[in-house]
């Protein structure tokens, strides 16, 4: 396993509520950098700093994961659906023959 990978991915909602798996520090960092400037707060800053520190090897990736999860919880981005359910739902939602 790569050193920046999480032991367990974090599933968050992006865009118009579509699930995305955040598998490591690089993914979390990318989501945080793309977060709108007008919505950035202290939780965002802490998670972003933690991801940067983890990418530089200054803290463990699981520490950054915990702070990213706290940020996602605060902004109601976490989803409790398992990836298999999400994948099955995604396929059926886009199939015009499934009602």
Protein backbone atom coordinates (compact mmCIF):
# COMPACT_ATOMS: atom_id res chain seq x y z
CA UNK A 1 0.00 0.00 0.00
CA UNK A 2 1.26 3.49 -0.83
CA UNK A 3 2.18 5.60 2.20
CA UNK A 4 -0.46 8.24 1.43
CA UNK A 5 -3.32 5.71 1.08
CA UNK A 6 -5.99 5.42 3.77
CA UNK A 7 -6.63 2.02 5.39
CA UNK A 8 -10.30 2.55 4.60
CA UNK A 9 -11.61 4.98 1.95
CA UNK A 10 -13.88 7.87 2.90
CA UNK A 11 -17.04 8.13 0.79
CA UNK A 12 -18.26 11.69 0.36
CA UNK A 13 -20.92 13.39 -1.71
CA UNK A 14 -19.68 15.73 -4.44
CA UNK A 15 -21.36 17.93 -7.01
CA UNK A 16 -25.09 17.33 -6.99
CA UNK A 17 -24.86 14.60 -4.38
CA UNK A 18 -22.87 12.03 -6.31
CA UNK A 19 -20.72 9.73 -4.15
CA UNK A 20 -16.96 9.70 -4.55
CA UNK A 21 -14.39 7.63 -2.74
CA UNK A 22 -11.44 9.44 -1.21
CA UNK A 23 -8.78 6.73 -1.06
CA UNK A 24 -5.80 8.66 0.22
CA UNK A 25 -4.21 11.93 1.20
CA UNK A 26 -3.77 13.04 -2.41
CA UNK A 27 -7.51 12.58 -3.10
CA UNK A 28 -8.45 14.42 0.11
CA UNK A 29 -6.05 17.24 -0.70
CA UNK A 30 -7.52 17.59 -4.20
CA UNK A 31 -11.06 17.83 -2.81
CA UNK A 32 -9.99 20.42 -0.27
CA UNK A 33 -8.16 22.55 -2.85
CA UNK A 34 -11.26 22.47 -5.07
CA UNK A 35 -13.55 23.50 -2.17
CA UNK A 36 -15.08 26.93 -2.95
CA UNK A 37 -13.25 29.82 -1.33
CA UNK A 38 -16.47 31.32 0.01
CA UNK A 39 -17.18 28.12 2.00
CA UNK A 40 -13.72 27.66 3.50
CA UNK A 41 -13.57 27.74 7.27
CA UNK A 42 -11.35 26.64 10.14
CA UNK A 43 -12.20 22.95 9.61
CA UNK A 44 -11.16 23.28 5.97
CA UNK A 45 -7.86 24.96 6.93
CA UNK A 46 -7.03 22.29 9.51
CA UNK A 47 -7.80 19.42 7.10
CA UNK A 48 -5.86 21.09 4.28
CA UNK A 49 -2.83 21.68 6.52
CA UNK A 50 -2.99 18.07 7.72
CA UNK A 51 -3.05 16.76 4.16
CA UNK A 52 -0.07 18.93 3.25
CA UNK A 53 1.82 17.67 6.30
CA UNK A 54 1.00 14.05 5.44
CA UNK A 55 2.14 14.53 1.85
CA UNK A 56 5.47 15.83 3.21
CA UNK A 57 5.75 12.86 5.59
CA UNK A 58 5.37 15.02 8.70
CA UNK A 59 2.27 13.21 10.01
CA UNK A 60 0.62 9.85 9.36
CA UNK A 61 -1.94 9.55 6.58
CA UNK A 62 -4.50 8.21 9.07
CA UNK A 63 -4.19 11.44 11.09
CA UNK A 64 -4.93 13.45 7.95
CA UNK A 65 -7.83 11.07 7.23
CA UNK A 66 -9.36 11.76 10.63
CA UNK A 67 -9.20 15.51 10.10
CA UNK A 68 -10.61 15.16 6.58
CA UNK A 69 -13.49 13.09 7.98
CA UNK A 70 -14.14 15.80 10.60
CA UNK A 71 -14.25 18.41 7.82
CA UNK A 72 -16.61 16.22 5.74
CA UNK A 73 -18.89 15.60 8.73
CA UNK A 74 -19.10 19.31 9.50
CA UNK A 75 -20.15 20.06 5.94
CA UNK A 76 -22.49 17.05 5.71
CA UNK A 77 -20.50 15.42 2.90
CA UNK A 78 -20.15 11.94 4.39
CA UNK A 79 -22.31 9.15 3.10
CA UNK A 80 -22.99 5.91 4.92
CA UNK A 81 -23.67 3.92 1.76
CA UNK A 82 -21.23 1.17 0.92
CA UNK A 83 -19.36 1.43 -2.38
CA UNK A 84 -21.18 -1.62 -3.83
CA UNK A 85 -24.57 -0.03 -3.18
CA UNK A 86 -23.35 3.26 -4.62
CA UNK A 87 -22.00 1.53 -7.75
CA UNK A 88 -25.22 -0.43 -8.26
CA UNK A 89 -27.33 2.68 -7.82
CA UNK A 90 -25.12 4.69 -10.18
CA UNK A 91 -25.48 2.14 -12.96
CA UNK A 92 -29.25 1.86 -12.64
CA UNK A 93 -29.73 5.62 -12.34
CA UNK A 94 -28.13 6.19 -15.73
CA UNK A 95 -29.89 3.34 -17.54
CA UNK A 96 -32.90 4.78 -19.40
CA UNK A 97 -34.55 1.32 -19.36
CA UNK A 98 -34.59 1.03 -15.58
CA UNK A 99 -37.45 2.70 -13.79
